[in-house]
N, C-alpha and C. Protein backbone atom coordinates (compact mmCIF):
# COMPACT_ATOMS: atom_id res chain seq x y z
N MET A 1 91.51 59.87 48.47
CA MET A 1 91.75 61.27 48.75
C MET A 1 92.88 61.39 49.77
N ASP A 2 93.80 62.32 49.52
CA ASP A 2 94.91 62.55 50.43
C ASP A 2 94.41 63.18 51.73
N THR A 3 95.12 62.88 52.81
CA THR A 3 94.76 63.40 54.13
C THR A 3 95.78 64.44 54.57
N VAL A 4 95.28 65.54 55.10
CA VAL A 4 96.14 66.54 55.73
C VAL A 4 95.70 66.66 57.19
N THR A 5 96.68 66.57 58.08
CA THR A 5 96.42 66.75 59.50
C THR A 5 96.96 68.11 59.90
N ILE A 6 96.08 68.93 60.43
CA ILE A 6 96.45 70.27 60.87
C ILE A 6 96.46 70.25 62.39
N ILE A 7 97.63 70.52 62.96
CA ILE A 7 97.82 70.46 64.41
C ILE A 7 97.87 71.87 64.97
N SER A 8 97.02 72.14 65.94
CA SER A 8 97.04 73.43 66.62
C SER A 8 97.47 73.20 68.06
N ARG A 9 98.55 73.87 68.47
CA ARG A 9 99.10 73.69 69.82
C ARG A 9 98.96 74.92 70.71
N LYS A 10 98.59 76.05 70.12
CA LYS A 10 98.54 77.32 70.87
C LYS A 10 97.10 77.68 71.21
N PRO A 11 96.89 78.39 72.31
CA PRO A 11 95.54 78.84 72.67
C PRO A 11 94.95 79.71 71.56
N PRO A 12 93.61 79.78 71.48
CA PRO A 12 92.98 80.46 70.35
C PRO A 12 93.08 81.98 70.33
N TYR A 13 93.44 82.63 71.41
CA TYR A 13 93.44 84.09 71.42
C TYR A 13 94.75 84.63 71.96
N GLY A 14 95.24 85.69 71.34
CA GLY A 14 96.49 86.30 71.73
C GLY A 14 97.59 86.10 70.70
N LEU A 15 97.53 85.01 69.95
CA LEU A 15 98.46 84.72 68.86
C LEU A 15 97.64 84.35 67.62
N ILE A 16 98.25 84.42 66.45
CA ILE A 16 97.50 84.09 65.22
C ILE A 16 97.51 82.59 64.89
N ASN A 17 98.25 81.79 65.64
CA ASN A 17 98.41 80.37 65.32
C ASN A 17 97.09 79.64 65.17
N ALA A 18 96.19 79.76 66.12
CA ALA A 18 94.92 79.03 66.07
C ALA A 18 94.05 79.53 64.92
N ALA A 19 94.04 80.84 64.70
CA ALA A 19 93.26 81.39 63.58
C ALA A 19 93.78 80.85 62.25
N GLU A 20 95.08 80.75 62.12
CA GLU A 20 95.68 80.20 60.90
C GLU A 20 95.37 78.71 60.74
N ALA A 21 95.35 78.00 61.85
CA ALA A 21 95.00 76.57 61.79
C ALA A 21 93.56 76.41 61.28
N VAL A 22 92.64 77.23 61.79
CA VAL A 22 91.25 77.18 61.33
C VAL A 22 91.16 77.56 59.86
N ARG A 23 91.86 78.62 59.46
CA ARG A 23 91.83 79.08 58.07
C ARG A 23 92.33 77.99 57.12
N HIS A 24 93.42 77.35 57.49
CA HIS A 24 93.96 76.28 56.65
C HIS A 24 93.05 75.05 56.64
N THR A 25 92.42 74.78 57.77
CA THR A 25 91.49 73.66 57.82
C THR A 25 90.30 73.90 56.90
N LEU A 26 89.76 75.11 56.95
CA LEU A 26 88.63 75.45 56.08
C LEU A 26 89.03 75.33 54.61
N GLY A 27 90.22 75.77 54.27
CA GLY A 27 90.69 75.71 52.88
C GLY A 27 91.02 74.30 52.43
N ALA A 28 91.53 73.48 53.32
CA ALA A 28 91.94 72.12 52.95
C ALA A 28 90.77 71.20 52.71
N GLY A 29 89.65 71.49 53.35
CA GLY A 29 88.49 70.60 53.30
C GLY A 29 87.94 70.35 51.92
N ASP A 30 88.22 71.23 50.97
CA ASP A 30 87.71 71.04 49.61
C ASP A 30 88.51 70.01 48.82
N ASP A 31 89.82 69.98 49.04
CA ASP A 31 90.68 69.13 48.23
C ASP A 31 91.29 67.94 48.97
N PHE A 32 91.17 67.95 50.28
CA PHE A 32 91.79 66.91 51.10
C PHE A 32 90.79 66.42 52.14
N ARG A 33 91.06 65.24 52.65
CA ARG A 33 90.39 64.81 53.88
C ARG A 33 91.18 65.50 54.98
N ALA A 34 90.55 66.44 55.67
CA ALA A 34 91.25 67.24 56.68
C ALA A 34 90.91 66.75 58.08
N ILE A 35 91.93 66.72 58.93
CA ILE A 35 91.79 66.39 60.34
C ILE A 35 92.38 67.56 61.12
N LEU A 36 91.61 68.12 62.03
CA LEU A 36 92.11 69.17 62.91
C LEU A 36 92.42 68.52 64.25
N LEU A 37 93.69 68.50 64.60
CA LEU A 37 94.16 67.84 65.82
C LEU A 37 94.61 68.91 66.81
N LEU A 38 93.97 68.95 67.97
CA LEU A 38 94.22 69.99 68.96
C LEU A 38 94.99 69.40 70.14
N ILE A 39 96.14 70.00 70.42
CA ILE A 39 97.05 69.52 71.46
C ILE A 39 97.45 70.72 72.32
N ASP A 40 97.82 70.46 73.57
CA ASP A 40 98.27 71.51 74.50
C ASP A 40 97.20 72.61 74.58
N GLY A 41 97.59 73.86 74.51
CA GLY A 41 96.65 74.97 74.59
C GLY A 41 95.70 75.03 73.41
N GLY A 42 96.02 74.33 72.34
CA GLY A 42 95.16 74.30 71.16
C GLY A 42 93.81 73.68 71.42
N ILE A 43 93.69 72.89 72.49
CA ILE A 43 92.40 72.25 72.77
C ILE A 43 91.30 73.26 73.06
N TYR A 44 91.69 74.45 73.53
CA TYR A 44 90.70 75.48 73.83
C TYR A 44 89.99 75.98 72.57
N LEU A 45 90.55 75.71 71.41
CA LEU A 45 89.93 76.10 70.15
C LEU A 45 88.57 75.43 69.98
N ALA A 46 88.39 74.22 70.50
CA ALA A 46 87.13 73.48 70.35
C ALA A 46 86.22 73.61 71.56
N LYS A 47 86.62 74.40 72.54
CA LYS A 47 85.82 74.54 73.77
C LYS A 47 84.56 75.37 73.49
N LYS A 48 83.46 74.97 74.11
CA LYS A 48 82.21 75.73 74.02
C LYS A 48 82.35 77.05 74.76
N ALA A 49 81.53 78.02 74.36
CA ALA A 49 81.40 79.31 75.05
C ALA A 49 82.74 80.00 75.27
N GLN A 50 83.46 80.20 74.18
CA GLN A 50 84.76 80.87 74.28
C GLN A 50 84.60 82.34 74.60
N ASP A 51 85.54 82.87 75.36
CA ASP A 51 85.57 84.29 75.70
C ASP A 51 86.86 84.88 75.14
N MET A 52 86.72 85.74 74.13
CA MET A 52 87.89 86.35 73.51
C MET A 52 88.48 87.45 74.37
N GLY A 53 87.70 87.93 75.34
CA GLY A 53 88.16 89.01 76.19
C GLY A 53 88.44 90.26 75.37
N GLU A 54 89.50 90.95 75.70
CA GLU A 54 89.88 92.19 75.03
C GLU A 54 90.96 91.95 73.98
N THR A 55 91.04 90.74 73.43
CA THR A 55 92.12 90.40 72.51
C THR A 55 92.00 91.07 71.14
N GLY A 56 90.79 91.41 70.74
CA GLY A 56 90.59 91.97 69.40
C GLY A 56 90.49 90.90 68.33
N PHE A 57 90.55 89.64 68.72
CA PHE A 57 90.45 88.53 67.77
C PHE A 57 89.00 88.19 67.49
N SER A 58 88.73 87.67 66.30
CA SER A 58 87.39 87.17 65.97
C SER A 58 87.13 85.91 66.79
N ASN A 59 85.86 85.60 67.00
CA ASN A 59 85.49 84.41 67.75
C ASN A 59 85.77 83.17 66.90
N LEU A 60 86.76 82.40 67.31
CA LEU A 60 87.14 81.21 66.53
C LEU A 60 86.16 80.06 66.71
N GLU A 61 85.40 80.08 67.79
CA GLU A 61 84.37 79.06 67.96
C GLU A 61 83.36 79.16 66.83
N GLU A 62 82.98 80.38 66.47
CA GLU A 62 82.05 80.59 65.36
C GLU A 62 82.68 80.16 64.04
N SER A 63 83.96 80.48 63.85
CA SER A 63 84.66 80.08 62.63
C SER A 63 84.75 78.57 62.53
N LEU A 64 84.99 77.93 63.65
CA LEU A 64 85.07 76.47 63.65
C LEU A 64 83.74 75.85 63.27
N GLY A 65 82.65 76.57 63.54
CA GLY A 65 81.32 76.10 63.15
C GLY A 65 81.15 76.02 61.64
N LEU A 66 82.01 76.69 60.89
CA LEU A 66 81.95 76.64 59.43
C LEU A 66 82.58 75.37 58.87
N VAL A 67 83.32 74.67 59.71
CA VAL A 67 84.03 73.46 59.28
C VAL A 67 83.02 72.31 59.16
N GLU A 68 82.90 71.80 57.95
CA GLU A 68 82.00 70.66 57.72
C GLU A 68 82.82 69.47 57.25
N ASP A 69 82.39 68.29 57.63
CA ASP A 69 83.02 67.05 57.19
C ASP A 69 84.51 67.00 57.53
N ILE A 70 84.90 67.65 58.58
CA ILE A 70 86.29 67.63 59.02
C ILE A 70 86.32 67.09 60.44
N GLU A 71 87.18 66.13 60.63
CA GLU A 71 87.30 65.50 61.94
C GLU A 71 88.07 66.43 62.88
N ILE A 72 87.50 66.71 64.05
CA ILE A 72 88.16 67.55 65.05
C ILE A 72 88.45 66.67 66.26
N LEU A 73 89.73 66.56 66.59
CA LEU A 73 90.17 65.67 67.66
C LEU A 73 90.98 66.45 68.70
N VAL A 74 90.81 66.10 69.97
CA VAL A 74 91.61 66.72 71.03
C VAL A 74 92.44 65.64 71.73
N ASP A 75 93.63 66.04 72.11
CA ASP A 75 94.51 65.14 72.86
C ASP A 75 93.95 64.94 74.26
N ARG A 76 93.67 63.69 74.61
CA ARG A 76 93.07 63.36 75.90
C ARG A 76 93.94 63.83 77.07
N ASP A 77 95.26 63.65 76.98
CA ASP A 77 96.15 64.06 78.07
C ASP A 77 96.10 65.58 78.27
N SER A 78 96.07 66.34 77.18
CA SER A 78 95.97 67.81 77.28
C SER A 78 94.65 68.20 77.93
N MET A 79 93.60 67.50 77.57
CA MET A 79 92.27 67.77 78.11
C MET A 79 92.25 67.52 79.62
N ILE A 80 92.73 66.37 80.02
CA ILE A 80 92.72 65.98 81.44
C ILE A 80 93.60 66.91 82.27
N SER A 81 94.79 67.25 81.75
CA SER A 81 95.70 68.10 82.52
C SER A 81 95.16 69.51 82.73
N ARG A 82 94.19 69.91 81.91
CA ARG A 82 93.57 71.23 82.04
C ARG A 82 92.21 71.16 82.72
N GLY A 83 91.87 69.98 83.24
CA GLY A 83 90.62 69.82 83.99
C GLY A 83 89.37 69.88 83.14
N LEU A 84 89.50 69.56 81.85
CA LEU A 84 88.35 69.58 80.95
C LEU A 84 87.85 68.18 80.67
N LYS A 85 86.59 68.10 80.22
CA LYS A 85 85.96 66.82 79.86
C LYS A 85 85.44 66.95 78.43
N GLU A 86 85.14 65.82 77.81
CA GLU A 86 84.65 65.85 76.43
C GLU A 86 83.41 66.71 76.28
N GLU A 87 82.56 66.75 77.29
CA GLU A 87 81.33 67.56 77.18
C GLU A 87 81.61 69.06 77.22
N ASP A 88 82.85 69.46 77.54
CA ASP A 88 83.22 70.88 77.52
C ASP A 88 83.49 71.39 76.09
N PHE A 89 83.53 70.45 75.14
CA PHE A 89 83.86 70.81 73.77
C PHE A 89 82.63 70.80 72.87
N ARG A 90 82.74 71.46 71.75
CA ARG A 90 81.63 71.51 70.80
C ARG A 90 81.25 70.11 70.34
N GLU A 91 80.05 69.99 69.86
CA GLU A 91 79.52 68.70 69.43
C GLU A 91 80.40 68.11 68.32
N GLY A 92 80.63 66.82 68.41
CA GLY A 92 81.38 66.11 67.39
C GLY A 92 82.88 66.02 67.64
N VAL A 93 83.38 66.72 68.65
CA VAL A 93 84.80 66.68 68.98
C VAL A 93 85.06 65.41 69.78
N LYS A 94 86.13 64.73 69.42
CA LYS A 94 86.46 63.45 70.06
C LYS A 94 87.85 63.53 70.71
N ALA A 95 87.96 63.03 71.93
CA ALA A 95 89.25 62.95 72.62
C ALA A 95 89.94 61.64 72.26
N ILE A 96 91.23 61.73 71.96
CA ILE A 96 92.00 60.54 71.59
C ILE A 96 93.32 60.53 72.34
N GLY A 97 93.93 59.35 72.42
CA GLY A 97 95.19 59.17 73.12
C GLY A 97 96.40 59.29 72.21
N LYS A 98 97.57 59.20 72.81
CA LYS A 98 98.84 59.38 72.10
C LYS A 98 99.04 58.36 70.97
N ASP A 99 98.64 57.11 71.19
CA ASP A 99 98.80 56.11 70.12
C ASP A 99 97.97 56.47 68.90
N ASP A 100 96.75 56.93 69.13
CA ASP A 100 95.90 57.35 68.01
C ASP A 100 96.50 58.55 67.30
N ILE A 101 97.05 59.48 68.05
CA ILE A 101 97.67 60.66 67.46
C ILE A 101 98.85 60.25 66.57
N ARG A 102 99.68 59.36 67.07
CA ARG A 102 100.82 58.88 66.27
C ARG A 102 100.35 58.24 64.98
N ASN A 103 99.33 57.41 65.06
CA ASN A 103 98.82 56.73 63.87
C ASN A 103 98.23 57.71 62.85
N ILE A 104 97.52 58.72 63.32
CA ILE A 104 96.93 59.71 62.42
C ILE A 104 98.03 60.46 61.68
N ILE A 105 99.03 60.91 62.42
CA ILE A 105 100.13 61.65 61.79
C ILE A 105 100.89 60.76 60.82
N LYS A 106 101.13 59.54 61.21
CA LYS A 106 101.87 58.60 60.36
C LYS A 106 101.13 58.34 59.04
N LYS A 107 99.80 58.26 59.08
CA LYS A 107 99.01 57.95 57.88
C LYS A 107 98.70 59.19 57.03
N SER A 108 98.92 60.38 57.56
CA SER A 108 98.62 61.60 56.83
C SER A 108 99.63 61.82 55.70
N HIS A 109 99.14 62.34 54.59
CA HIS A 109 100.02 62.68 53.49
C HIS A 109 100.78 63.97 53.78
N SER A 110 100.14 64.87 54.51
CA SER A 110 100.74 66.13 54.90
C SER A 110 100.35 66.48 56.33
N THR A 111 101.25 67.17 57.01
CA THR A 111 100.98 67.62 58.38
C THR A 111 101.40 69.07 58.48
N MET A 112 100.53 69.89 59.05
CA MET A 112 100.84 71.30 59.27
C MET A 112 100.70 71.56 60.77
N ILE A 113 101.67 72.27 61.33
CA ILE A 113 101.66 72.53 62.77
C ILE A 113 101.58 74.03 63.01
N PHE A 114 100.62 74.43 63.84
CA PHE A 114 100.44 75.84 64.19
C PHE A 114 100.53 76.01 65.69
């Protein structure tokens, strides 16, 4: 099965980037082995107890809960620089380093960046 890596770099609320990353991840899971890779502000997409505030956006934490059999990974450096720990993220999310990120992207058949 072909692999698609979907990279989300923007915070989940205020822009449509993270919502589109989730939407594409949900759609890709049927035909591809999908990996959702969260970098920079995108790591907040997998954080527990998200607060959308007055953004008018749907809760992406709930949408992410619809993702089954899809690997969700966060960049360890992004996590550390924002003072977060692995336990701050939803169950099953794994922190990985730059070498792992490079290897995942290199082995993917397709990569989408949001």
